[in-house]
Amino acid sequence: MKGLQEKGEGGIFLHIKHGTICEESKTPKEKFVPVEVTNPRSGQTSTKYIKPYKLVEAMIKRIEWYEREYDGTPFMGWKIVLNADGTVCTLDLPLQSQTATRFMKLAENLDFTKPVEFSAWKTADDKTALSVKQDGQNVSQKYTKDNPNGCPPPVQGFGKKWNYDAQTQFLHERMTQVVIPKLNALRGLEVEESAEPKEPAEPTSGGAPIKDPMEAIKRTVKALAGTKVVDNASEGQILMDYFGTSNWDEIAALPEALLKAQAGKLDNLIPF
């Protein structure tokens, strides 16, 4: 794992700003460089200090949603908690940013059992681009213009401004209902393995322990498909909702504890 690689080393709170991934400070610090920043509300210019990183490669440990207010201004976004080769750090992705939108559109394609590599740079039109890789390859977006997969397109209003509210709400729901539960289930497995001996509650199907989660999943998904319980969703859509993929080989490769947990959740949907 490459950990944190400096551009020019943490108690690390990371931002994607100034065309890079960086730490930011209001005061001078060793290895920090000055940058001029203009406040978009007041128009005033000030000097901040940043410590840029060429890239961050880390395991994603948690993804948390935050909402807060400062000086009358609301702030919302995602806090991605990382373990970068032993260094715990947090990557901040404000909701109303292109980088957050890109991450939300690709998050369902992440394999949380592997390290994720983040890097950022400034484009020719002075925007900040975000790269997310695994195994040296770019992680593709699940939601694109050509293949929206149910993600609403932006709507152009009378004043010619584009409104992305429906798209943002859709992506937020996918994060909270699919991506984060999938990650938390996997992290639950890791906690159980490292904790003091304590028998976790075993997922059950019809009250009996799940011995073959794949068989239970196939049986339950077939029974649920097309019913009102899942809003008439197809087998493929149910799999996408609970596992982030409809490919049975990819699902079979997931950790057994995750499969059992999701099998139990699916079984609980079946009415008595």
Protein backbone atom coordinates (compact mmCIF):
# COMPACT_ATOMS: atom_id res chain seq x y z
CA MET A 1 0.00 0.00 0.00
CA LYS A 2 1.34 3.44 -0.94
CA GLY A 3 -0.23 5.34 1.98
CA LEU A 4 0.20 9.09 1.76
CA GLN A 5 2.70 10.36 -0.78
CA GLU A 6 3.65 14.02 -0.52
CA LYS A 7 3.95 16.33 -3.45
CA GLY A 8 6.92 18.15 -2.65
CA GLU A 9 4.14 13.40 5.12
CA GLY A 10 0.05 13.36 9.34
CA GLY A 11 -2.86 13.76 12.22
CA ILE A 12 -4.54 14.14 8.98
CA PHE A 13 -7.67 16.01 7.91
CA LEU A 14 -7.68 16.17 4.15
CA HIS A 15 -9.44 18.43 1.67
CA ILE A 16 -9.64 18.44 -2.10
CA LYS A 17 -8.77 22.07 -2.73
CA HIS A 18 -6.34 24.21 -4.67
CA GLY A 19 -6.09 21.54 -7.36
CA THR A 20 -4.80 18.82 -5.05
CA ILE A 21 -5.47 16.68 -1.99
CA CYS A 22 -4.07 18.60 0.94
CA GLU A 23 -4.04 19.54 4.59
CA GLU A 24 -4.98 23.17 5.19
CA SER A 25 -3.97 25.66 7.90
CA LYS A 26 -4.70 29.30 8.65
CA THR A 27 -1.19 29.73 10.06
CA PRO A 28 2.27 28.85 8.72
CA LYS A 29 3.51 25.34 9.47
CA GLU A 30 6.55 23.32 8.52
CA LYS A 31 6.24 21.85 5.00
CA PHE A 32 3.12 23.93 4.30
CA VAL A 33 3.13 26.35 1.38
CA PRO A 34 1.14 29.61 1.13
CA VAL A 35 -1.79 30.02 -1.26
CA GLU A 36 -4.00 33.03 -1.91
CA VAL A 37 -7.69 32.36 -1.28
CA THR A 38 -10.63 34.61 -2.19
CA ASN A 39 -13.78 34.41 -0.08
CA PRO A 40 -16.66 34.00 -2.58
CA ARG A 41 -19.10 35.79 -0.26
CA SER A 42 -17.05 38.83 0.73
CA GLY A 43 -14.58 38.95 -2.15
CA GLN A 44 -11.72 39.39 0.33
CA THR A 45 -8.41 37.67 -0.29
CA SER A 46 -6.43 35.95 2.44
CA THR A 47 -3.44 33.66 2.73
CA LYS A 48 -3.81 30.04 3.77
CA TYR A 49 -1.20 27.33 4.01
CA ILE A 50 -1.49 23.88 2.52
CA LYS A 51 0.46 20.64 2.59
CA PRO A 52 -0.26 18.89 -0.72
CA TYR A 53 -0.17 15.16 -1.36
CA LYS A 54 0.49 13.54 -4.70
CA LEU A 55 -1.97 10.78 -3.79
CA VAL A 56 -3.55 8.95 -0.90
CA GLU A 57 -3.88 5.17 -0.99
CA ALA A 58 -5.82 3.78 1.96
CA MET A 59 -8.51 1.43 3.20
CA ILE A 60 -11.89 3.10 3.60
CA LYS A 61 -12.97 2.42 7.19
CA ARG A 62 -16.15 4.48 7.42
CA ILE A 63 -18.23 6.93 5.40
CA GLU A 64 -20.21 9.45 7.44
CA TRP A 65 -22.72 12.12 6.45
CA TYR A 66 -22.47 15.48 8.22
CA GLU A 67 -24.65 18.58 8.45
CA ARG A 68 -23.60 21.67 10.39
CA GLU A 69 -23.85 25.43 10.30
CA TYR A 70 -21.21 28.11 10.74
CA ASP A 71 -21.87 31.86 10.76
CA GLY A 72 -25.28 31.30 9.23
CA THR A 73 -23.95 29.15 6.40
CA PRO A 74 -25.00 25.47 6.21
CA PHE A 75 -22.37 22.84 5.45
CA MET A 76 -23.19 19.31 4.30
CA GLY A 77 -21.06 16.53 2.93
CA TRP A 78 -19.31 13.21 3.35
CA LYS A 79 -16.51 12.42 5.77
CA ILE A 80 -14.49 9.46 4.50
CA VAL A 81 -12.41 7.91 7.30
CA LEU A 82 -9.28 6.25 5.94
CA ASN A 83 -6.45 4.06 7.18
CA ALA A 84 -3.45 5.02 5.06
CA ASP A 85 -0.91 2.32 5.92
CA GLY A 86 -1.45 2.89 9.67
CA THR A 87 -2.17 6.62 9.53
CA VAL A 88 -5.78 7.48 10.26
CA CYS A 89 -7.03 10.39 8.19
CA THR A 90 -10.30 11.89 7.05
CA LEU A 91 -11.11 13.09 3.56
CA ASP A 92 -13.78 15.79 3.40
CA LEU A 93 -16.11 15.90 0.38
CA PRO A 94 -18.57 18.84 0.57
CA LEU A 95 -21.90 17.87 -0.98
CA GLN A 96 -22.05 20.76 -3.45
CA SER A 97 -18.77 19.89 -5.15
CA GLN A 98 -17.91 18.08 -8.35
CA THR A 99 -15.61 15.76 -6.41
CA ALA A 100 -18.43 14.64 -4.08
CA THR A 101 -20.73 14.07 -7.04
CA ARG A 102 -18.10 12.00 -8.81
CA PHE A 103 -17.46 9.93 -5.69
CA MET A 104 -21.17 9.27 -5.16
CA LYS A 105 -21.55 8.16 -8.78
CA LEU A 106 -18.76 5.58 -8.48
CA ALA A 107 -19.00 4.51 -4.81
CA GLU A 108 -21.20 1.48 -5.56
CA ASN A 109 -18.41 0.07 -7.75
CA LEU A 110 -15.80 0.17 -4.96
CA ASP A 111 -14.43 -3.04 -3.46
CA PHE A 112 -14.08 -2.17 0.23
CA THR A 113 -11.84 -5.18 0.86
CA LYS A 114 -9.08 -3.46 -1.14
CA PRO A 115 -7.18 -0.15 -0.83
CA VAL A 116 -8.50 2.85 -2.72
CA GLU A 117 -6.22 5.41 -4.34
CA PHE A 118 -7.34 9.06 -4.42
CA SER A 119 -5.61 11.85 -6.32
CA ALA A 120 -6.67 15.27 -7.59
CA TRP A 121 -5.44 17.93 -9.98
CA LYS A 122 -6.51 21.18 -11.58
CA THR A 123 -7.90 20.98 -15.11
CA ALA A 124 -7.24 23.35 -17.97
CA ASP A 125 -10.46 25.25 -17.18
CA ASP A 126 -9.36 25.75 -13.54
CA LYS A 127 -11.63 23.05 -12.09
CA THR A 128 -10.54 20.28 -9.72
CA ALA A 129 -10.69 16.71 -11.01
CA LEU A 130 -10.79 13.62 -8.78
CA SER A 131 -9.27 10.25 -9.67
CA VAL A 132 -10.27 7.10 -7.77
CA LYS A 133 -8.40 3.87 -8.51
CA GLN A 134 -8.19 0.29 -7.32
CA ASP A 135 -5.61 -2.26 -8.48
CA GLY A 136 -4.11 0.51 -10.61
CA GLN A 137 -7.30 0.96 -12.63
CA ASN A 138 -9.81 3.81 -12.59
CA VAL A 139 -13.04 2.94 -10.76
CA SER A 140 -15.82 3.50 -13.25
CA GLN A 141 -18.96 5.44 -12.41
CA LYS A 142 -22.14 3.43 -12.01
CA TYR A 143 -24.14 6.48 -13.03
CA THR A 144 -23.23 8.26 -16.28
CA LYS A 145 -24.99 10.39 -18.87
CA ASP A 146 -25.15 7.49 -21.32
CA ASN A 147 -26.07 4.92 -18.64
CA PRO A 148 -27.92 6.78 -15.86
CA ASN A 149 -29.21 3.58 -14.21
CA GLY A 150 -32.14 5.50 -12.77
CA CYS A 151 -30.16 8.58 -11.72
CA PRO A 152 -32.21 11.70 -12.63
CA PRO A 153 -30.62 14.15 -15.09
CA PRO A 154 -30.27 17.83 -14.14
CA VAL A 155 -33.14 20.10 -15.13
CA GLN A 156 -32.60 23.48 -16.79
CA GLY A 157 -34.85 26.15 -15.36
CA PHE A 158 -36.35 29.26 -16.94
CA GLY A 159 -33.24 31.27 -16.09
CA LYS A 160 -31.07 28.71 -17.90
CA LYS A 161 -29.52 27.51 -14.64
CA TRP A 162 -29.19 23.78 -14.13
CA ASN A 163 -30.84 22.24 -11.07
CA TYR A 164 -29.25 19.05 -9.73
CA ASP A 165 -31.42 18.62 -6.62
CA ALA A 166 -33.18 15.43 -7.76
CA GLN A 167 -29.89 13.87 -8.85
CA THR A 168 -28.16 14.80 -5.59
CA GLN A 169 -31.03 13.38 -3.53
CA PHE A 170 -30.93 10.14 -5.53
CA LEU A 171 -27.17 9.76 -5.05
CA HIS A 172 -27.44 10.60 -1.34
CA GLU A 173 -30.03 7.85 -0.93
CA ARG A 174 -27.81 5.35 -2.74
CA MET A 175 -24.96 6.24 -0.39
CA THR A 176 -27.06 5.87 2.78
CA GLN A 177 -29.12 2.87 1.67
CA VAL A 178 -26.58 0.84 -0.33
CA VAL A 179 -22.96 1.96 -0.05
CA ILE A 180 -22.69 2.69 3.67
CA PRO A 181 -24.63 -0.43 4.81
CA LYS A 182 -22.40 -2.57 2.59
CA LEU A 183 -19.27 -0.97 4.08
CA ASN A 184 -20.59 -1.18 7.65
CA ALA A 185 -21.40 -4.86 7.25
CA LEU A 186 -17.85 -5.51 6.14
CA ARG A 187 -16.41 -3.40 8.96
CA GLY A 188 -18.57 -5.32 11.39
CA LEU A 189 -16.81 -8.47 10.27
CA GLU A 190 -13.40 -6.90 10.94
CA VAL A 191 -14.46 -5.68 14.40
CA GLU A 192 -15.73 -9.12 15.34
CA GLU A 193 -12.47 -10.73 14.28
CA SER A 194 -10.36 -8.34 16.38
CA ALA A 195 -12.63 -8.05 19.44
CA GLU A 196 -12.51 -10.02 22.66
CA PRO A 197 -14.37 -13.33 22.43
CA LYS A 198 -18.01 -12.42 22.08
CA GLU A 199 -20.52 -14.36 20.06
CA PRO A 200 -22.26 -12.01 17.62
CA ALA A 201 -25.88 -12.58 16.77
CA GLU A 202 -25.98 -15.05 13.91
CA PRO A 203 -28.20 -14.00 10.98
CA THR A 204 -31.08 -16.43 10.52
CA SER A 205 -33.51 -17.46 7.82
CA GLY A 206 -36.89 -18.50 9.13
CA GLY A 207 -35.36 -18.68 12.60
CA ALA A 208 -32.61 -21.10 11.57
CA PRO A 209 -28.92 -20.19 11.20
CA ILE A 210 -27.89 -19.50 7.59
CA LYS A 211 -25.47 -22.27 6.56
CA ASP A 212 -25.38 -21.57 2.82
CA PRO A 213 -25.88 -17.79 2.33
CA MET A 214 -25.67 -17.93 -1.48
CA GLU A 215 -28.44 -20.53 -1.67
CA ALA A 216 -30.54 -18.51 0.78
CA ILE A 217 -29.99 -15.31 -1.23
CA LYS A 218 -30.94 -16.96 -4.54
CA ARG A 219 -34.07 -18.48 -3.02
CA THR A 220 -35.18 -15.27 -1.30
CA VAL A 221 -34.44 -12.95 -4.24
CA LYS A 222 -36.46 -15.22 -6.54
CA ALA A 223 -39.36 -15.14 -4.07
CA LEU A 224 -39.23 -11.35 -3.64
CA ALA A 225 -38.78 -10.32 -7.28
CA GLY A 226 -41.80 -8.57 -8.75
CA THR A 227 -43.66 -8.25 -5.44
CA LYS A 228 -44.97 -5.14 -3.74
CA VAL A 229 -42.56 -5.72 -0.85
CA VAL A 230 -39.69 -4.58 -3.10
CA ASP A 231 -41.75 -2.16 -5.22
CA ASN A 232 -41.95 -4.74 -8.03
CA ALA A 233 -38.17 -4.75 -8.45
CA SER A 234 -36.59 -7.42 -10.63
CA GLU A 235 -34.09 -9.97 -9.33
CA GLY A 236 -31.24 -7.95 -10.83
CA GLN A 237 -32.39 -4.71 -9.19
CA ILE A 238 -32.72 -6.40 -5.77
CA LEU A 239 -29.17 -7.68 -6.11
CA MET A 240 -27.94 -4.20 -7.09
CA ASP A 241 -29.70 -2.69 -4.08
CA TYR A 242 -28.25 -5.14 -1.56
CA PHE A 243 -24.88 -6.03 -3.04
CA GLY A 244 -23.99 -3.25 -5.50
CA THR A 245 -23.83 -5.74 -8.37
CA SER A 246 -26.15 -8.17 -10.15
CA ASN A 247 -23.30 -10.51 -11.11
CA TRP A 248 -23.57 -13.73 -9.11
CA ASP A 249 -19.83 -14.45 -9.37
CA GLU A 250 -19.03 -11.04 -7.86
CA ILE A 251 -21.57 -11.59 -5.08
CA ALA A 252 -20.13 -15.04 -4.30
CA ALA A 253 -16.69 -13.43 -3.85
CA LEU A 254 -17.96 -11.18 -1.00
CA PRO A 255 -17.06 -12.08 2.61
CA GLU A 256 -19.26 -14.83 4.05
CA ALA A 257 -20.29 -12.70 7.05
CA LEU A 258 -21.53 -9.99 4.67
CA LEU A 259 -23.45 -12.55 2.61
CA LYS A 260 -25.08 -13.98 5.75
CA ALA A 261 -26.01 -10.51 7.01
CA GLN A 262 -27.60 -9.52 3.70
CA ALA A 263 -29.30 -12.91 3.37
CA GLY A 264 -30.88 -12.33 6.78
CA LYS A 265 -32.07 -8.85 5.77
CA LEU A 266 -33.63 -10.18 2.58
CA ASP A 267 -35.32 -13.03 4.43
CA ASN A 268 -36.82 -10.53 6.88
CA LEU A 269 -38.62 -8.86 3.95
CA ILE A 270 -40.69 -11.95 3.28
CA PRO A 271 -44.00 -11.60 5.13
CA PHE A 272 -45.15 -14.46 7.32
